[in-house]
Amino acid sequence: METMVSSAMKEVIIGHDRPTVLIGERINPTGKKKLAEALKAGNLEIICEEALAQAQAGADIIDVNVSTFGVDEVTMLPRVVQTVLGTVDIPLCLDSANPEALAAALKVYKGKPLINSVTGEERSLSAILPLVKEYGAAVIGLVQDDDGIPNDAERRVAVARKIVKRAEATGIPRQDIIIDPLALTIGADTKSGLVTIETVRRVKAELGVNIVLAVSNVSHGMPDRDLLNNAFVAMAIAAGVTCLVVDVAKVRSIVLAADLLLGKDEYARRYIKTYRQRGQQTPGG
């Protein structure tokens, strides 16, 4: 099962037998006052800086989210999409729950984007899936429905199955559906990580689709967050996650190590190449 997304210049393929794909998370104003204020002012210089930094850090795809109070998503999302596409050559993940904003961004996008996201909620399925079909995009499906996020793997897999079934009924091929089993903070429930990992394993075994995870949610409110995130990254990849929404600069080395240990890096080429690049960037290295 392989999912292809692209920009006008570059193609990225996500698959269970391929290296883990990294989706850069930093163009998102949530919790970022400086970015939120820049978006409100229509100043996109910081957007260009973040896009370049993530591409240089090794992002395969860049997530673009402009949702914040005081910003008109329908106007701003396509503008930011065009800005990022003019700055880097890698594919984008269009991150919005607003169907009108997504439609506006899809109209200006060059290539095949990833849409983040659809849920198992009826209003989401009926609004987002037709857009995915119309523009030939790929889509992330979140395992939550009208009753919220289930607390157990059984019901999360059921929501994933519902999303896949509705997407295929809409004419979207299964390979263009990526399921997000949702990571919740272990600070609220120390078993939540286990539920996520079990959901990953079952979605892979029962549906065969690609799986994405926004890792940093698991450590919210906890001390030494990077340590928890890095451990969870390795566990998630081993369970079957094929792409991650992360701060790429912080996580890429862990991902490369996990991919190598899991046989996804033939002759250790990627791992060794990155190690050498780090040495060249170190003074006196």
C-alpha atoms as a PDB file:
ATOM      1  CA  MET A   1       0.000   0.000   0.000  1.00  0.00           C
ATOM      2  CA  GLU A   2       1.743   3.158  -1.196  1.00  0.00           C
ATOM      3  CA  THR A   3       0.478   6.732  -0.982  1.00  0.00           C
ATOM      4  CA  MET A   4       1.937   9.288  -3.380  1.00  0.00           C
ATOM      5  CA  VAL A   5       1.836  13.029  -2.774  1.00  0.00           C
ATOM      6  CA  SER A   6       3.635  15.666  -4.797  1.00  0.00           C
ATOM      7  CA  SER A   7       4.496  19.280  -5.439  1.00  0.00           C
ATOM      8  CA  ALA A   8       5.115  20.596  -8.933  1.00  0.00           C
ATOM      9  CA  MET A   9       8.758  19.551  -8.553  1.00  0.00           C
ATOM     10  CA  LYS A  10       8.948  16.593  -6.169  1.00  0.00           C
ATOM     11  CA  GLU A  11       7.138  13.335  -5.431  1.00  0.00           C
ATOM     12  CA  VAL A  12       7.025  11.613  -2.037  1.00  0.00           C
ATOM     13  CA  ILE A  13       5.879   8.017  -1.624  1.00  0.00           C
ATOM     14  CA  ILE A  14       4.667   6.746   1.750  1.00  0.00           C
ATOM     15  CA  GLY A  15       4.693   2.986   2.313  1.00  0.00           C
ATOM     16  CA  HIS A  16       5.137   0.283   4.939  1.00  0.00           C
ATOM     17  CA  ASP A  17       8.348  -0.993   3.353  1.00  0.00           C
ATOM     18  CA  ARG A  18       9.788   2.483   2.792  1.00  0.00           C
ATOM     19  CA  PRO A  19      11.668   4.903   5.050  1.00  0.00           C
ATOM     20  CA  THR A  20       9.449   6.849   7.443  1.00  0.00           C
ATOM     21  CA  VAL A  21       8.159  10.091   5.905  1.00  0.00           C
ATOM     22  CA  LEU A  22       8.511  13.233   8.002  1.00  0.00           C
ATOM     23  CA  ILE A  23       5.845  15.955   7.928  1.00  0.00           C
ATOM     24  CA  GLY A  24       7.109  19.237   9.368  1.00  0.00           C
ATOM     25  CA  GLU A  25       4.675  20.629  11.940  1.00  0.00           C
ATOM     26  CA  ARG A  26       6.029  24.126  12.599  1.00  0.00           C
ATOM     27  CA  ILE A  27       3.791  26.230  10.313  1.00  0.00           C
ATOM     28  CA  ASN A  28       0.967  26.176  12.824  1.00  0.00           C
ATOM     29  CA  PRO A  29       0.061  29.211  14.969  1.00  0.00           C
ATOM     30  CA  THR A  30      -1.257  27.121  17.874  1.00  0.00           C
ATOM     31  CA  GLY A  31       0.906  28.067  20.852  1.00  0.00           C
ATOM     32  CA  LYS A  32       3.137  30.269  18.681  1.00  0.00           C
ATOM     33  CA  LYS A  33       2.339  33.918  19.437  1.00  0.00           C
ATOM     34  CA  LYS A  34       4.899  35.337  17.000  1.00  0.00           C
ATOM     35  CA  LEU A  35       3.548  33.293  14.095  1.00  0.00           C
ATOM     36  CA  ALA A  36      -0.068  34.056  14.989  1.00  0.00           C
ATOM     37  CA  GLU A  37       0.629  37.811  15.090  1.00  0.00           C
ATOM     38  CA  ALA A  38       2.468  37.653  11.758  1.00  0.00           C
ATOM     39  CA  LEU A  39      -0.477  35.896  10.117  1.00  0.00           C
ATOM     40  CA  LYS A  40      -2.898  38.498  11.480  1.00  0.00           C
ATOM     41  CA  ALA A  41      -0.689  41.242  10.056  1.00  0.00           C
ATOM     42  CA  GLY A  42      -0.358  39.463   6.713  1.00  0.00           C
ATOM     43  CA  ASN A  43       3.419  39.234   7.161  1.00  0.00           C
ATOM     44  CA  LEU A  44       4.556  35.955   5.610  1.00  0.00           C
ATOM     45  CA  GLU A  45       8.305  36.352   6.072  1.00  0.00           C
ATOM     46  CA  ILE A  46       8.258  34.034   9.087  1.00  0.00           C
ATOM     47  CA  ILE A  47       6.383  31.464   6.986  1.00  0.00           C
ATOM     48  CA  CYS A  48       9.213  31.449   4.438  1.00  0.00           C
ATOM     49  CA  GLU A  49      11.794  31.104   7.206  1.00  0.00           C
ATOM     50  CA  GLU A  50       9.984  28.166   8.802  1.00  0.00           C
ATOM     51  CA  ALA A  51       9.477  26.423   5.456  1.00  0.00           C
ATOM     52  CA  LEU A  52      13.162  26.726   4.563  1.00  0.00           C
ATOM     53  CA  ALA A  53      14.325  25.616   8.010  1.00  0.00           C
ATOM     54  CA  GLN A  54      12.130  22.518   7.928  1.00  0.00           C
ATOM     55  CA  ALA A  55      13.187  21.587   4.416  1.00  0.00           C
ATOM     56  CA  GLN A  56      16.846  21.953   5.411  1.00  0.00           C
ATOM     57  CA  ALA A  57      16.227  19.841   8.521  1.00  0.00           C
ATOM     58  CA  GLY A  58      14.988  17.006   6.292  1.00  0.00           C
ATOM     59  CA  ALA A  59      11.203  17.373   6.117  1.00  0.00           C
ATOM     60  CA  ASP A  60       9.667  15.350   3.287  1.00  0.00           C
ATOM     61  CA  ILE A  61       6.320  17.194   3.483  1.00  0.00           C
ATOM     62  CA  ILE A  62       5.387  20.466   5.195  1.00  0.00           C
ATOM     63  CA  ASP A  63       2.134  20.881   7.093  1.00  0.00           C
ATOM     64  CA  VAL A  64       0.466  24.279   6.586  1.00  0.00           C
ATOM     65  CA  ASN A  65      -2.025  25.494   9.197  1.00  0.00           C
ATOM     66  CA  VAL A  66      -3.151  29.133   9.529  1.00  0.00           C
ATOM     67  CA  SER A  67      -6.073  28.650  11.914  1.00  0.00           C
ATOM     68  CA  THR A  68      -5.978  31.280  14.631  1.00  0.00           C
ATOM     69  CA  PHE A  69      -8.305  33.965  16.005  1.00  0.00           C
ATOM     70  CA  GLY A  70      -8.460  37.017  13.744  1.00  0.00           C
ATOM     71  CA  VAL A  71      -7.286  35.261  10.554  1.00  0.00           C
ATOM     72  CA  ASP A  72      -9.599  34.585   7.612  1.00  0.00           C
ATOM     73  CA  GLU A  73      -8.596  31.032   6.673  1.00  0.00           C
ATOM     74  CA  VAL A  74     -10.365  31.126   3.324  1.00  0.00           C
ATOM     75  CA  THR A  75      -8.154  34.015   2.216  1.00  0.00           C
ATOM     76  CA  MET A  76      -4.979  33.199   4.133  1.00  0.00           C
ATOM     77  CA  LEU A  77      -4.574  29.449   3.558  1.00  0.00           C
ATOM     78  CA  PRO A  78      -4.222  29.664  -0.261  1.00  0.00           C
ATOM     79  CA  ARG A  79      -1.934  32.666   0.139  1.00  0.00           C
ATOM     80  CA  VAL A  80       0.347  30.792   2.538  1.00  0.00           C
ATOM     81  CA  VAL A  81       0.246  27.682   0.347  1.00  0.00           C
ATOM     82  CA  GLN A  82       1.454  29.701  -2.636  1.00  0.00           C
ATOM     83  CA  THR A  83       4.139  31.334  -0.497  1.00  0.00           C
ATOM     84  CA  VAL A  84       5.468  28.007   0.766  1.00  0.00           C
ATOM     85  CA  LEU A  85       5.367  26.419  -2.696  1.00  0.00           C
ATOM     86  CA  GLY A  86       7.370  29.382  -3.948  1.00  0.00           C
ATOM     87  CA  THR A  87       9.934  28.893  -1.176  1.00  0.00           C
ATOM     88  CA  VAL A  88      10.531  25.120  -1.108  1.00  0.00           C
ATOM     89  CA  ASP A  89       9.975  22.362  -3.663  1.00  0.00           C
ATOM     90  CA  ILE A  90       8.489  19.673  -1.396  1.00  0.00           C
ATOM     91  CA  PRO A  91       4.813  18.641  -1.132  1.00  0.00           C
ATOM     92  CA  LEU A  92       2.428  20.205   1.370  1.00  0.00           C
ATOM     93  CA  CYS A  93      -0.114  18.947   3.856  1.00  0.00           C
ATOM     94  CA  LEU A  94      -3.111  21.310   3.872  1.00  0.00           C
ATOM     95  CA  ASP A  95      -4.174  21.432   7.510  1.00  0.00           C
ATOM     96  CA  SER A  96      -7.654  22.828   8.094  1.00  0.00           C
ATOM     97  CA  ALA A  97     -11.075  21.745   9.298  1.00  0.00           C
ATOM     98  CA  ASN A  98     -12.678  24.485   7.160  1.00  0.00           C
ATOM     99  CA  PRO A  99     -13.955  23.028   3.835  1.00  0.00           C
ATOM    100  CA  GLU A 100     -14.042  26.472   2.190  1.00  0.00           C
ATOM    101  CA  ALA A 101     -10.438  27.170   3.135  1.00  0.00           C
ATOM    102  CA  LEU A 102      -9.375  23.754   1.870  1.00  0.00           C
ATOM    103  CA  ALA A 103     -11.195  24.298  -1.425  1.00  0.00           C
ATOM    104  CA  ALA A 104      -9.497  27.668  -1.869  1.00  0.00           C
ATOM    105  CA  ALA A 105      -6.071  26.147  -1.169  1.00  0.00           C
ATOM    106  CA  LEU A 106      -6.685  23.154  -3.429  1.00  0.00           C
ATOM    107  CA  LYS A 107      -7.504  25.494  -6.325  1.00  0.00           C
ATOM    108  CA  VAL A 108      -4.029  27.056  -6.218  1.00  0.00           C
ATOM    109  CA  TYR A 109      -2.046  23.935  -5.339  1.00  0.00           C
ATOM    110  CA  LYS A 110       0.304  22.525  -7.972  1.00  0.00           C
ATOM    111  CA  GLY A 111       0.606  18.768  -7.588  1.00  0.00           C
ATOM    112  CA  LYS A 112      -1.120  16.232  -5.320  1.00  0.00           C
ATOM    113  CA  PRO A 113      -1.403  17.449  -1.719  1.00  0.00           C
ATOM    114  CA  LEU A 114      -2.217  15.673   1.506  1.00  0.00           C
ATOM    115  CA  ILE A 115      -5.314  16.980   3.299  1.00  0.00           C
ATOM    116  CA  ASN A 116      -5.306  17.063   7.098  1.00  0.00           C
ATOM    117  CA  SER A 117      -7.955  15.961   7.862  1.00  0.00           C
ATOM    118  CA  VAL A 118     -11.283  14.166   7.819  1.00  0.00           C
ATOM    119  CA  THR A 119     -12.854  12.545  10.870  1.00  0.00           C
ATOM    120  CA  GLY A 120     -15.509   9.898  11.357  1.00  0.00           C
ATOM    121  CA  GLU A 121     -18.032  12.644  12.155  1.00  0.00           C
ATOM    122  CA  GLU A 122     -20.819  12.777   9.606  1.00  0.00           C
ATOM    123  CA  ARG A 123     -20.441  16.504   8.905  1.00  0.00           C
ATOM    124  CA  SER A 124     -16.730  16.041   8.252  1.00  0.00           C
ATOM    125  CA  LEU A 125     -17.163  13.013   5.995  1.00  0.00           C
ATOM    126  CA  SER A 126     -19.801  14.739   3.885  1.00  0.00           C
ATOM    127  CA  ALA A 127     -17.841  18.003   3.569  1.00  0.00           C
ATOM    128  CA  ILE A 128     -14.221  16.851   3.179  1.00  0.00           C
ATOM    129  CA  LEU A 129     -14.341  13.614   1.185  1.00  0.00           C
ATOM    130  CA  PRO A 130     -15.937  15.186  -1.924  1.00  0.00           C
ATOM    131  CA  LEU A 131     -13.080  17.727  -1.990  1.00  0.00           C
ATOM    132  CA  VAL A 132     -10.495  14.948  -1.738  1.00  0.00           C
ATOM    133  CA  LYS A 133     -12.150  13.166  -4.653  1.00  0.00           C
ATOM    134  CA  GLU A 134     -12.601  16.306  -6.786  1.00  0.00           C
ATOM    135  CA  TYR A 135      -8.969  17.374  -6.526  1.00  0.00           C
ATOM    136  CA  GLY A 136      -7.410  13.902  -6.509  1.00  0.00           C
ATOM    137  CA  ALA A 137      -5.716  14.510  -3.158  1.00  0.00           C
ATOM    138  CA  ALA A 138      -4.687  12.129  -0.392  1.00  0.00           C
ATOM    139  CA  VAL A 139      -6.305  12.504   3.034  1.00  0.00           C
ATOM    140  CA  ILE A 140      -5.587  11.876   6.695  1.00  0.00           C
ATOM    141  CA  GLY A 141      -8.447  10.273   8.625  1.00  0.00           C
ATOM    142  CA  LEU A 142      -8.606  10.918  12.384  1.00  0.00           C
ATOM    143  CA  VAL A 143     -10.115   8.141  14.509  1.00  0.00           C
ATOM    144  CA  GLN A 144     -12.735  10.270  16.200  1.00  0.00           C
ATOM    145  CA  ASP A 145     -16.445  10.429  15.493  1.00  0.00           C
ATOM    146  CA  ASP A 146     -19.585  12.129  16.746  1.00  0.00           C
ATOM    147  CA  ASP A 147     -18.988  10.571  20.180  1.00  0.00           C
ATOM    148  CA  GLY A 148     -15.431  11.936  20.420  1.00  0.00           C
ATOM    149  CA  ILE A 149     -12.136  10.020  20.597  1.00  0.00           C
ATOM    150  CA  PRO A 150     -12.638   6.425  21.751  1.00  0.00           C
ATOM    151  CA  ASN A 151     -10.623   5.278  24.763  1.00  0.00           C
ATOM    152  CA  ASP A 152      -9.916   1.813  23.363  1.00  0.00           C
ATOM    153  CA  ALA A 153      -8.293   0.408  20.234  1.00  0.00           C
ATOM    154  CA  GLU A 154     -11.363  -1.610  19.218  1.00  0.00           C
ATOM    155  CA  ARG A 155     -13.542   1.456  18.714  1.00  0.00           C
ATOM    156  CA  ARG A 156     -10.737   3.499  17.150  1.00  0.00           C
ATOM    157  CA  VAL A 157     -10.242   0.790  14.534  1.00  0.00           C
ATOM    158  CA  ALA A 158     -13.997   0.812  13.929  1.00  0.00           C
ATOM    159  CA  VAL A 159     -13.859   4.559  13.197  1.00  0.00           C
ATOM    160  CA  ALA A 160     -10.879   4.011  10.874  1.00  0.00           C
ATOM    161  CA  ARG A 161     -12.837   1.313   9.043  1.00  0.00           C
ATOM    162  CA  LYS A 162     -15.813   3.678   8.701  1.00  0.00           C
ATOM    163  CA  ILE A 163     -13.614   6.409   7.198  1.00  0.00           C
ATOM    164  CA  VAL A 164     -12.016   3.996   4.728  1.00  0.00           C
ATOM    165  CA  LYS A 165     -15.407   2.602   3.703  1.00  0.00           C
ATOM    166  CA  ARG A 166     -16.919   6.054   3.132  1.00  0.00           C
ATOM    167  CA  ALA A 167     -13.850   7.283   1.260  1.00  0.00           C
ATOM    168  CA  GLU A 168     -13.886   4.286  -1.075  1.00  0.00           C
ATOM    169  CA  ALA A 169     -17.625   4.753  -1.619  1.00  0.00           C
ATOM    170  CA  THR A 170     -16.856   8.345  -2.634  1.00  0.00           C
ATOM    171  CA  GLY A 171     -14.382   7.065  -5.223  1.00  0.00           C
ATOM    172  CA  ILE A 172     -11.177   7.668  -3.275  1.00  0.00           C
ATOM    173  CA  PRO A 173      -8.755   4.724  -3.616  1.00  0.00           C
ATOM    174  CA  ARG A 174      -7.620   3.088  -0.382  1.00  0.00           C
ATOM    175  CA  GLN A 175      -3.995   4.001  -1.023  1.00  0.00           C
ATOM    176  CA  ASP A 176      -4.939   7.693  -0.768  1.00  0.00           C
ATOM    177  CA  ILE A 177      -6.247   7.279   2.793  1.00  0.00           C
ATOM    178  CA  ILE A 178      -3.839   7.628   5.725  1.00  0.00           C
ATOM    179  CA  ILE A 179      -5.191   6.889   9.196  1.00  0.00           C
ATOM    180  CA  ASP A 180      -4.155   8.854  12.297  1.00  0.00           C
ATOM    181  CA  PRO A 181      -4.744   6.658  15.392  1.00  0.00           C
ATOM    182  CA  LEU A 182      -4.343   9.765  17.598  1.00  0.00           C
ATOM    183  CA  ALA A 183      -1.798  10.159  20.374  1.00  0.00           C
ATOM    184  CA  LEU A 184      -3.210  11.566  23.606  1.00  0.00           C
ATOM    185  CA  THR A 185      -1.233  12.819  26.575  1.00  0.00           C
ATOM    186  CA  ILE A 186      -0.003  10.201  29.005  1.00  0.00           C
ATOM    187  CA  GLY A 187      -0.178  12.902  31.665  1.00  0.00           C
ATOM    188  CA  ALA A 188      -3.949  12.385  31.710  1.00  0.00           C
ATOM    189  CA  ASP A 189      -3.908   8.612  31.167  1.00  0.00           C
ATOM    190  CA  THR A 190      -0.727   6.536  31.407  1.00  0.00           C
ATOM    191  CA  LYS A 191      -2.345   3.801  29.284  1.00  0.00           C
ATOM    192  CA  SER A 192      -3.073   6.147  26.349  1.00  0.00           C
ATOM    193  CA  GLY A 193       0.214   5.360  24.611  1.00  0.00           C
ATOM    194  CA  LEU A 194      -0.592   1.639  24.683  1.00  0.00           C
ATOM    195  CA  VAL A 195      -4.010   2.277  23.130  1.00  0.00           C
ATOM    196  CA  THR A 196      -2.419   4.277  20.311  1.00  0.00           C
ATOM    197  CA  ILE A 197       0.216   1.611  19.590  1.00  0.00           C
ATOM    198  CA  GLU A 198      -2.389  -1.156  19.602  1.00  0.00           C
ATOM    199  CA  THR A 199      -4.536   0.892  17.206  1.00  0.00           C
ATOM    200  CA  VAL A 200      -1.545   1.305  14.889  1.00  0.00           C
ATOM    201  CA  ARG A 201      -0.912  -2.449  14.824  1.00  0.00           C
ATOM    202  CA  ARG A 202      -4.539  -3.287  14.160  1.00  0.00           C
ATOM    203  CA  VAL A 203      -5.071  -0.650  11.453  1.00  0.00           C
ATOM    204  CA  LYS A 204      -2.006  -1.954   9.636  1.00  0.00           C
ATOM    205  CA  ALA A 205      -3.106  -5.594   9.941  1.00  0.00           C
ATOM    206  CA  GLU A 206      -6.814  -5.140   9.223  1.00  0.00           C
ATOM    207  CA  LEU A 207      -6.942  -2.215   6.770  1.00  0.00           C
ATOM    208  CA  GLY A 208      -3.451  -2.166   5.286  1.00  0.00           C
ATOM    209  CA  VAL A 209      -3.421   1.623   4.872  1.00  0.00           C
ATOM    210  CA  ASN A 210      -0.602   3.988   5.709  1.00  0.00           C
ATOM    211  CA  ILE A 211      -0.573   5.433   9.218  1.00  0.00           C
ATOM    212  CA  VAL A 212       0.422   8.888  10.466  1.00  0.00           C
ATOM    213  CA  LEU A 213       0.965  10.117  14.000  1.00  0.00           C
ATOM    214  CA  ALA A 214       1.434  13.555  15.560  1.00  0.00           C
ATOM    215  CA  VAL A 215       3.872  12.409  18.212  1.00  0.00           C
ATOM    216  CA  SER A 216       4.273  15.457  20.463  1.00  0.00           C
ATOM    217  CA  ASN A 217       0.721  15.182  21.819  1.00  0.00           C
ATOM    218  CA  VAL A 218       1.778  12.189  23.915  1.00  0.00           C
ATOM    219  CA  SER A 219       4.102  14.257  26.125  1.00  0.00           C
ATOM    220  CA  HIS A 220       1.912  17.324  26.643  1.00  0.00           C
ATOM    221  CA  GLY A 221       2.197  18.605  30.212  1.00  0.00           C
ATOM    222  CA  MET A 222       5.066  16.274  31.098  1.00  0.00           C
ATOM    223  CA  PRO A 223       8.700  17.141  31.949  1.00  0.00           C
ATOM    224  CA  ASP A 224      11.536  16.287  29.528  1.00  0.00           C
ATOM    225  CA  ARG A 225       9.133  16.081  26.611  1.00  0.00           C
ATOM    226  CA  ASP A 226      11.788  15.359  23.988  1.00  0.00           C
ATOM    227  CA  LEU A 227      12.777  12.162  25.792  1.00  0.00           C
ATOM    228  CA  LEU A 228       9.197  10.880  25.783  1.00  0.00           C
ATOM    229  CA  ASN A 229       8.615  11.947  22.191  1.00  0.00           C
ATOM    230  CA  ASN A 230      11.761  10.197  20.954  1.00  0.00           C
ATOM    231  CA  ALA A 231      10.907   6.958  22.732  1.00  0.00           C
ATOM    232  CA  PHE A 232       7.377   7.073  21.320  1.00  0.00           C
ATOM    233  CA  VAL A 233       8.666   7.732  17.804  1.00  0.00           C
ATOM    234  CA  ALA A 234      10.691   4.518  17.822  1.00  0.00           C
ATOM    235  CA  MET A 235       7.788   2.520  19.261  1.00  0.00           C
ATOM    236  CA  ALA A 236       5.338   3.934  16.726  1.00  0.00           C
ATOM    237  CA  ILE A 237       7.553   3.156  13.736  1.00  0.00           C
ATOM    238  CA  ALA A 238       8.089  -0.399  14.983  1.00  0.00           C
ATOM    239  CA  ALA A 239       4.295  -0.812  15.334  1.00  0.00           C
ATOM    240  CA  GLY A 240       3.606   0.309  11.747  1.00  0.00           C
ATOM    241  CA  VAL A 241       3.485   4.116  11.545  1.00  0.00           C
ATOM    242  CA  THR A 242       4.725   5.194   8.113  1.00  0.00           C
ATOM    243  CA  CYS A 243       4.749   8.982   8.488  1.00  0.00           C
ATOM    244  CA  LEU A 244       5.072  11.370  11.415  1.00  0.00           C
ATOM    245  CA  VAL A 245       3.968  14.953  12.051  1.00  0.00           C
ATOM    246  CA  VAL A 246       6.915  16.298  14.032  1.00  0.00           C
ATOM    247  CA  ASP A 247       9.449  19.031  14.630  1.00  0.00           C
ATOM    248  CA  VAL A 248      11.825  17.491  12.108  1.00  0.00           C
ATOM    249  CA  ALA A 249      15.028  19.058  13.437  1.00  0.00           C
ATOM    250  CA  LYS A 250      14.438  17.425  16.833  1.00  0.00           C
ATOM    251  CA  VAL A 251      13.293  14.004  15.670  1.00  0.00           C
ATOM    252  CA  ARG A 252      14.960  13.088  12.369  1.00  0.00           C
ATOM    253  CA  SER A 253      18.032  11.402  13.886  1.00  0.00           C
ATOM    254  CA  ILE A 254      15.786   9.143  15.996  1.00  0.00           C
ATOM    255  CA  VAL A 255      13.714   8.246  12.940  1.00  0.00           C
ATOM    256  CA  LEU A 256      16.799   7.401  10.885  1.00  0.00           C
ATOM    257  CA  ALA A 257      18.068   5.140  13.660  1.00  0.00           C
ATOM    258  CA  ALA A 258      14.692   3.392  14.004  1.00  0.00           C
ATOM    259  CA  ASP A 259      14.406   2.916  10.228  1.00  0.00           C
ATOM    260  CA  LEU A 260      17.892   1.384  10.107  1.00  0.00           C
ATOM    261  CA  LEU A 261      17.179  -1.023  12.962  1.00  0.00           C
ATOM    262  CA  LEU A 262      13.889  -2.059  11.333  1.00  0.00           C
ATOM    263  CA  GLY A 263      15.486  -2.819   7.962  1.00  0.00           C
ATOM    264  CA  LYS A 264      14.188   0.257   6.146  1.00  0.00           C
ATOM    265  CA  ASP A 265      17.625   1.685   5.283  1.00  0.00           C
ATOM    266  CA  GLU A 266      19.546  -0.601   2.923  1.00  0.00           C
ATOM    267  CA  TYR A 267      23.275  -0.719   3.702  1.00  0.00           C
ATOM    268  CA  ALA A 268      22.659   2.062   6.286  1.00  0.00           C
ATOM    269  CA  ARG A 269      23.055   4.639   3.508  1.00  0.00           C
ATOM    270  CA  ARG A 270      20.708   7.296   4.901  1.00  0.00           C
ATOM    271  CA  TYR A 271      21.949   6.886   8.455  1.00  0.00           C
ATOM    272  CA  ILE A 272      25.628   7.141   7.492  1.00  0.00           C
ATOM    273  CA  LYS A 273      25.056  10.008   5.044  1.00  0.00           C
ATOM    274  CA  THR A 274      23.305  12.054   7.731  1.00  0.00           C
ATOM    275  CA  TYR A 275      26.001  11.200  10.297  1.00  0.00           C
ATOM    276  CA  ARG A 276      28.670  12.493   7.928  1.00  0.00           C
ATOM    277  CA  GLN A 277      26.686  15.646   7.217  1.00  0.00           C
ATOM    278  CA  ARG A 278      26.429  16.347  10.949  1.00  0.00           C
ATOM    279  CA  GLY A 279      30.196  15.922  11.274  1.00  0.00           C
ATOM    280  CA  GLN A 280      30.812  18.406   8.486  1.00  0.00           C
ATOM    281  CA  GLN A 281      28.562  20.947  10.186  1.00  0.00           C
ATOM    282  CA  THR A 282      30.403  20.634  13.510  1.00  0.00           C
ATOM    283  CA  PRO A 283      33.322  23.079  13.948  1.00  0.00           C
ATOM    284  CA  GLY A 284      36.504  21.100  13.613  1.00  0.00           C
ATOM    285  CA  GLY A 285      34.493  18.027  12.496  1.00  0.00           C
END
